[in-house]
Protein backbone atom coordinates (compact mmCIF):
# COMPACT_ATOMS: atom_id res chain seq x y z
CA MET A 1 18.65 1.54 -10.21
CA ASN A 2 19.73 3.35 -13.11
CA SER A 3 21.65 0.98 -15.51
CA ILE A 4 21.72 -2.92 -15.49
CA ALA A 5 24.06 -5.27 -17.62
CA ILE A 6 23.07 -8.43 -18.58
CA VAL A 7 25.97 -10.74 -19.34
CA GLY A 8 24.86 -14.14 -21.14
CA ALA A 9 21.98 -12.23 -22.51
CA SER A 10 21.11 -15.06 -25.35
CA SER A 11 20.40 -17.42 -22.60
CA GLN A 12 16.41 -18.60 -22.22
CA ILE A 13 16.32 -17.12 -19.00
CA ALA A 14 18.16 -14.39 -19.13
CA LYS A 15 16.08 -13.53 -22.74
CA ASP A 16 12.78 -13.88 -20.60
CA LEU A 17 14.01 -11.74 -18.00
CA ILE A 18 14.72 -9.33 -20.53
CA LEU A 19 11.16 -9.34 -22.03
CA SER A 20 9.94 -9.49 -18.21
CA PHE A 21 11.62 -5.98 -17.83
CA ALA A 22 10.42 -4.69 -21.14
CA ARG A 23 6.84 -5.51 -20.47
CA ASN A 24 7.45 -3.32 -16.92
CA GLY A 25 8.80 -0.45 -18.55
CA ARG A 26 12.25 -1.12 -18.09
CA THR A 27 14.48 -1.59 -21.67
CA ASP A 28 17.47 0.54 -20.13
CA LEU A 29 19.56 -2.71 -20.56
CA LEU A 30 23.31 -3.27 -21.50
CA LEU A 31 23.15 -6.65 -22.91
CA TYR A 32 26.41 -8.54 -23.52
CA VAL A 33 26.46 -11.99 -26.14
CA ARG A 34 28.98 -14.05 -28.02
CA ASN A 35 26.59 -14.19 -31.21
CA LEU A 36 25.73 -10.33 -32.01
CA PRO A 37 23.62 -11.44 -35.00
CA ALA A 38 21.85 -13.97 -33.38
CA ALA A 39 21.28 -11.47 -30.87
CA THR A 40 19.90 -8.55 -33.08
CA SER A 41 17.61 -10.88 -34.74
CA TRP A 42 15.90 -11.98 -31.90
CA MET A 43 15.48 -8.40 -30.33
CA GLU A 44 13.78 -7.08 -33.55
CA ALA A 45 11.69 -10.30 -33.36
CA ASN A 46 10.50 -8.90 -30.12
CA GLY A 47 10.23 -5.43 -30.76
CA LEU A 48 13.59 -4.54 -28.58
CA SER A 49 15.18 -2.84 -31.50
CA GLY A 50 16.41 0.82 -30.50
CA ALA A 51 15.57 0.11 -26.79
CA CYS A 52 18.00 -2.13 -25.02
CA SER A 53 21.72 -1.90 -26.02
CA LEU A 54 23.36 -5.23 -27.33
CA TYR A 55 27.16 -5.23 -27.07
CA THR A 56 29.81 -8.70 -27.25
CA TYR A 57 31.42 -9.83 -24.38
CA ASP A 58 34.77 -8.16 -24.96
CA GLN A 59 33.07 -5.02 -24.67
CA TYR A 60 32.01 -5.53 -20.83
CA GLY A 61 33.20 -3.02 -18.44
CA GLN A 62 33.62 -0.14 -20.76
CA LEU A 63 30.14 1.47 -19.84
CA PRO A 64 29.18 2.49 -16.71
CA HIS A 65 26.29 0.67 -14.58
CA ASP A 66 24.44 0.07 -11.51
CA ALA A 67 24.13 -3.61 -11.27
CA VAL A 68 25.17 -6.69 -13.29
CA LEU A 69 23.05 -10.13 -14.08
CA ASN A 70 25.73 -12.99 -15.08
CA PHE A 71 23.65 -15.80 -17.03
CA VAL A 72 27.41 -17.19 -18.34
CA GLY A 73 26.81 -20.93 -18.18
CA VAL A 74 24.80 -23.94 -19.72
CA GLY A 75 21.14 -24.71 -18.93
CA ASP A 76 21.20 -27.99 -21.07
CA PRO A 77 22.15 -31.28 -19.19
CA ARG A 78 22.81 -32.61 -22.66
CA ARG A 79 25.38 -29.39 -23.34
CA ALA A 80 26.49 -29.65 -19.80
CA ALA A 81 27.81 -33.36 -20.27
CA GLU A 82 29.61 -32.59 -23.64
CA MET A 83 31.33 -29.27 -22.03
CA GLY A 84 32.48 -31.90 -19.24
CA ALA A 85 35.45 -29.93 -17.64
CA SER A 86 35.32 -26.58 -19.34
CA ILE A 87 32.35 -25.87 -17.44
CA PHE A 88 35.31 -24.60 -14.66
CA GLY A 89 36.83 -21.85 -17.37
CA ILE A 90 33.93 -20.51 -18.44
CA THR A 91 32.49 -20.03 -15.03
CA SER A 92 35.35 -18.66 -13.70
CA GLN A 93 36.46 -16.62 -16.61
CA PHE A 94 33.22 -14.68 -16.78
CA ASP A 95 32.98 -14.36 -12.56
CA ASP A 96 36.75 -13.12 -12.95
CA LEU A 97 35.83 -9.98 -15.21
CA ILE A 98 32.73 -8.90 -13.29
CA LEU A 99 34.52 -9.16 -9.93
CA ALA A 100 37.27 -6.96 -11.68
CA GLY A 101 34.67 -4.40 -12.20
CA LEU A 102 33.71 -4.55 -8.64
CA ASP A 103 37.03 -4.01 -7.32
CA ARG A 104 36.36 -1.07 -9.12
CA HIS A 105 33.08 -0.28 -8.53
CA PRO A 106 32.02 -1.82 -5.05
CA GLN A 107 28.88 -0.30 -4.80
CA ARG A 108 27.57 -2.18 -8.19
CA ARG A 109 25.35 -5.18 -7.20
CA TYR A 110 26.09 -8.62 -9.14
CA ILE A 111 23.34 -11.28 -8.65
CA PHE A 112 25.20 -14.71 -10.04
CA LEU A 113 23.09 -17.35 -11.78
CA SER A 114 24.05 -19.98 -9.56
CA SER A 115 21.80 -23.87 -9.47
CA GLY A 116 20.31 -25.94 -7.00
CA ALA A 117 22.88 -28.57 -8.01
CA ALA A 118 25.54 -26.52 -5.90
CA TYR A 119 24.44 -28.61 -2.90
CA GLY A 120 26.10 -31.01 -4.49
CA ASN A 121 24.78 -34.49 -4.11
CA SER A 122 22.05 -33.73 -1.10
CA PHE A 123 18.77 -34.58 -2.46
CA ALA A 124 17.92 -37.46 -0.91
CA ALA A 125 15.21 -34.83 0.71
CA PRO A 126 15.03 -31.29 -0.17
CA VAL A 127 17.63 -29.01 0.50
CA GLY A 128 17.36 -26.48 3.26
CA GLU A 129 19.06 -23.50 5.35
CA THR A 130 21.05 -26.45 7.33
CA THR A 131 21.68 -28.42 4.40
CA GLU A 132 25.48 -28.94 3.76
CA ALA A 133 27.22 -29.12 0.12
CA ARG A 134 28.48 -33.00 -0.10
CA ILE A 135 30.23 -34.12 -3.08
CA ALA A 136 32.46 -37.46 -3.29
CA ILE A 137 35.73 -35.93 -3.23
CA ASN A 138 37.90 -39.03 -3.60
CA GLN A 139 35.46 -40.07 -6.51
CA ILE A 140 34.85 -37.04 -8.32
CA ALA A 141 32.79 -37.90 -11.53
CA PRO A 142 31.93 -35.76 -14.73
CA GLN A 143 28.04 -35.31 -13.62
CA ASP A 144 30.08 -33.25 -10.57
CA TYR A 145 31.48 -30.59 -12.70
CA TYR A 146 28.93 -28.55 -13.01
CA ALA A 147 28.05 -28.56 -9.34
CA THR A 148 31.43 -27.83 -8.29
CA ALA A 149 32.07 -25.18 -10.51
CA LYS A 150 28.74 -23.06 -9.13
CA LEU A 151 30.02 -24.27 -5.65
CA HIS A 152 33.58 -22.99 -6.30
CA ALA A 153 31.77 -19.32 -8.00
CA GLU A 154 29.87 -18.89 -4.30
CA VAL A 155 32.75 -19.71 -1.74
CA ARG A 156 34.21 -16.90 -3.61
CA HIS A 157 31.55 -14.80 -3.63
CA ARG A 158 31.27 -15.24 0.19
CA SER A 159 35.00 -14.31 0.75
CA GLN A 160 34.28 -11.07 0.25
CA PRO A 161 31.59 -10.36 2.19
CA ASP A 162 31.53 -6.39 1.79
CA LEU A 163 30.42 -6.89 -1.81
CA PRO A 164 26.96 -6.73 -2.81
CA ILE A 165 26.63 -10.16 -4.59
CA VAL A 166 23.41 -12.49 -4.21
CA ASP A 167 24.33 -15.88 -6.04
CA LEU A 168 20.64 -16.89 -7.47
CA ARG A 169 20.21 -20.71 -7.21
CA VAL A 170 17.78 -21.97 -9.27
CA PHE A 171 16.33 -25.26 -9.34
CA ASN A 172 14.08 -25.71 -12.34
CA TYR A 173 12.62 -23.23 -14.73
CA PHE A 174 9.90 -23.53 -17.38
CA SER A 175 8.59 -20.99 -19.83
CA ARG A 176 7.21 -20.80 -22.99
CA THR A 177 10.45 -19.91 -25.04
CA GLN A 178 11.89 -23.51 -23.36
CA ASP A 179 13.92 -25.39 -26.06
CA VAL A 180 12.45 -28.16 -26.79
CA GLU A 181 14.96 -30.10 -27.72
CA ALA A 182 16.48 -29.58 -24.08
CA ARG A 183 17.01 -32.78 -22.27
CA PHE A 184 14.96 -31.88 -19.33
CA PHE A 185 12.27 -34.27 -18.07
CA ILE A 186 9.80 -31.49 -18.83
CA THR A 187 10.81 -30.92 -21.93
CA ASP A 188 10.48 -34.33 -22.81
CA ILE A 189 7.14 -34.35 -21.58
CA ILE A 190 6.37 -31.81 -23.65
CA ARG A 191 7.87 -33.65 -27.07
CA ALA A 192 5.59 -36.50 -26.55
CA VAL A 193 2.88 -34.01 -26.35
CA ARG A 194 3.78 -32.46 -29.75
CA ASP A 195 4.84 -35.45 -31.44
CA GLY A 196 1.91 -37.77 -30.30
CA GLN A 197 4.50 -40.08 -29.12
CA LEU A 198 4.23 -42.27 -25.57
CA LEU A 199 6.53 -41.00 -22.99
CA GLN A 200 8.47 -43.60 -21.39
CA THR A 201 9.88 -42.59 -18.15
CA SER A 202 11.04 -44.49 -14.94
CA ALA A 203 9.01 -45.64 -11.81
CA ASP A 204 11.43 -43.56 -10.25
CA TYR A 205 9.45 -40.78 -7.72
CA MET A 206 10.59 -37.31 -7.55
CA VAL A 207 9.98 -33.66 -6.75
CA ARG A 208 10.73 -30.72 -8.51
CA ASP A 209 9.84 -27.30 -8.05
CA PHE A 210 9.53 -24.86 -11.35
CA LEU A 211 9.93 -21.38 -11.48
CA HIS A 212 7.47 -19.44 -13.84
CA PRO A 213 9.23 -16.22 -15.48
CA GLU A 214 6.95 -13.59 -13.65
CA ASP A 215 8.21 -15.35 -10.54
CA PHE A 216 12.09 -15.20 -11.43
CA TYR A 217 11.70 -11.41 -12.50
CA GLN A 218 10.11 -10.75 -9.13
CA MET A 219 12.52 -12.44 -7.03
CA VAL A 220 15.56 -10.36 -9.23
CA SER A 221 13.65 -7.18 -8.93
CA ARG A 222 13.00 -7.81 -5.22
CA ILE A 223 16.75 -8.24 -4.78
CA LEU A 224 17.94 -5.10 -6.61
CA ALA A 225 15.53 -2.98 -5.12
CA ALA A 226 16.56 -4.03 -1.42
CA PRO A 227 19.57 -2.69 0.63
CA PRO A 228 22.89 -4.55 -0.56
CA ARG A 229 23.67 -8.19 0.72
CA ASN A 230 26.44 -10.90 0.27
CA CYS A 231 24.21 -13.92 0.31
CA ALA A 232 22.87 -17.11 -1.66
CA VAL A 233 19.32 -17.16 -2.22
CA ASP A 234 17.15 -20.57 -3.12
CA CYS A 235 14.47 -20.06 -5.80
CA TYR A 236 11.05 -21.33 -4.97
CA SER A 237 7.75 -21.31 -6.61
CA ARG A 238 4.58 -21.18 -4.17
CA GLU A 239 4.66 -25.18 -4.05
CA ALA A 240 6.49 -27.75 -5.47
CA VAL A 241 4.60 -30.93 -7.63
CA ASP A 242 5.61 -34.56 -7.20
CA LYS A 243 6.21 -36.65 -11.02
CA PRO A 244 2.93 -38.57 -10.42
CA THR A 245 1.03 -35.37 -10.30
CA LEU A 246 2.33 -33.56 -12.88
CA LEU A 247 2.20 -36.56 -15.32
CA GLU A 248 -1.53 -37.03 -14.55
CA ALA A 249 -2.12 -33.26 -14.94
CA MET A 250 -0.48 -33.55 -18.41
CA ARG A 251 -2.25 -36.53 -19.40
CA GLN A 252 -5.90 -34.53 -18.58
CA ARG A 253 -4.98 -31.16 -20.25
CA PHE A 254 -2.86 -32.00 -23.17
CA GLY A 255 -3.71 -35.81 -23.35
CA LEU A 256 0.19 -37.12 -22.54
CA ARG A 257 0.68 -41.19 -22.90
CA PHE A 258 3.03 -42.21 -21.06
CA GLU A 259 4.31 -45.49 -19.51
CA SER A 260 6.41 -46.25 -16.14
CA ALA A 261 8.90 -49.14 -16.29
CA SER A 262 10.91 -49.94 -13.64
CA ALA A 263 13.28 -47.97 -11.77
CA SER A 264 16.49 -49.30 -13.84
CA LEU A 265 15.16 -47.74 -17.15
CA LYS A 266 17.56 -45.34 -18.49
CA VAL A 267 16.04 -42.21 -19.93
CA GLY A 268 17.25 -38.98 -20.40
CA VAL A 269 20.26 -37.24 -19.83
CA ASN A 270 21.37 -37.16 -16.49
CA ALA A 271 24.50 -34.65 -16.43
CA THR A 272 24.43 -33.56 -12.71
CA GLY A 273 23.47 -37.08 -10.87
CA ALA A 274 20.02 -38.11 -9.56
CA LYS A 275 18.01 -35.78 -7.79
CA PRO A 276 14.68 -37.44 -6.24
CA HIS A 277 13.96 -33.53 -4.09
CA TYR A 278 15.42 -31.74 -6.16
CA TYR A 279 13.96 -28.31 -4.29
CA SER A 280 14.50 -26.12 -1.49
CA LEU A 281 12.94 -25.35 1.67
CA SER A 282 14.64 -22.39 2.40
CA ARG A 283 12.58 -19.03 2.28
CA LYS A 284 15.29 -16.28 2.57
CA ALA A 285 13.99 -14.70 -0.52
CA ALA A 286 11.27 -13.78 1.89
CA GLU A 287 13.38 -11.28 3.29
CA PHE A 288 13.51 -9.54 -0.20
CA GLY A 289 9.65 -9.35 -0.13
CA TYR A 290 9.59 -12.27 -2.84
CA LEU A 291 5.95 -14.05 -2.72
CA PRO A 292 5.73 -16.27 -5.28
CA ARG A 293 2.54 -16.43 -7.54
CA TYR A 294 2.38 -19.12 -9.12
CA SER A 295 2.95 -22.78 -7.94
CA SER A 296 5.19 -24.89 -9.92
CA LEU A 297 2.03 -27.20 -11.64
CA GLU A 298 -0.02 -23.86 -12.49
CA GLY A 299 3.33 -22.69 -13.74
CA VAL A 300 3.84 -25.56 -15.84
CA LEU A 301 -0.02 -25.89 -17.06
CA THR A 302 0.30 -21.98 -18.40
CA GLU A 303 3.42 -22.10 -20.30
CA ALA A 304 2.97 -25.52 -21.69
CA ALA A 305 -0.62 -24.50 -23.09
CA ALA A 306 0.90 -21.41 -24.56
CA LEU A 307 4.03 -23.40 -26.17
CA LEU A 308 1.75 -26.07 -27.54
CA GLY A 309 -0.34 -23.83 -28.78
């Protein structure tokens, strides 16, 4: 793989991946962003000036590359809620751009950052290979927009089976570079620890699978190194973690104070619907040679320690 383009290179998960590539000696990356000055400052702060090449979105397609990773989108539930239906246009705009390039260069690899949300409202239990995506077609609500946009993109990709496209479904991801002001359950925990505040959380039981940056890098690298395929792959850690275990571990390790109220207590921002078991039992990634190093709890504790200092 001689050259890799990353579209949406200013997203948190993309920046973590860029740093992982650099630590492993790979800096021949073509990075495409909307805000060039901000991205330039980030590259300088991380010692990447003169290594990776930086461009604006409208320059994509002008330089040859062997693979493209599409990170364009929104990772913060609060921003997803604010964007509403515009998520459809943003998703399709950049997908169209990249697919047009694949029409001219059908050997080019394409990794699309999808989401576990593409399964729709299917999380009363963990999803798997036989799970069907479920959306209330006659009662579509704003929290369905994000999931539907991802599902629509995936269906487009499967409709072109001769193209080497892998949709990588991320369920939960956490790293030391996380924007702690984002409205995720894990960032609510981090802010409570940082600020010495009492975390108010509902008594709802839930299970999450947090992917560590090193395991995400491993998964991407395995997919790029493997023979080309057209498929979707669910991300997973070595082991998921439930809410009581995570809260207790954060209490013991960092002194988190928390209070569980009734299940009806509204906390946080739920932009994509309730997901009590938001993780996958699919292990298709193992077919690419992926073997996660970190469990969810190990990954969270490791990255939280670095983030909180």
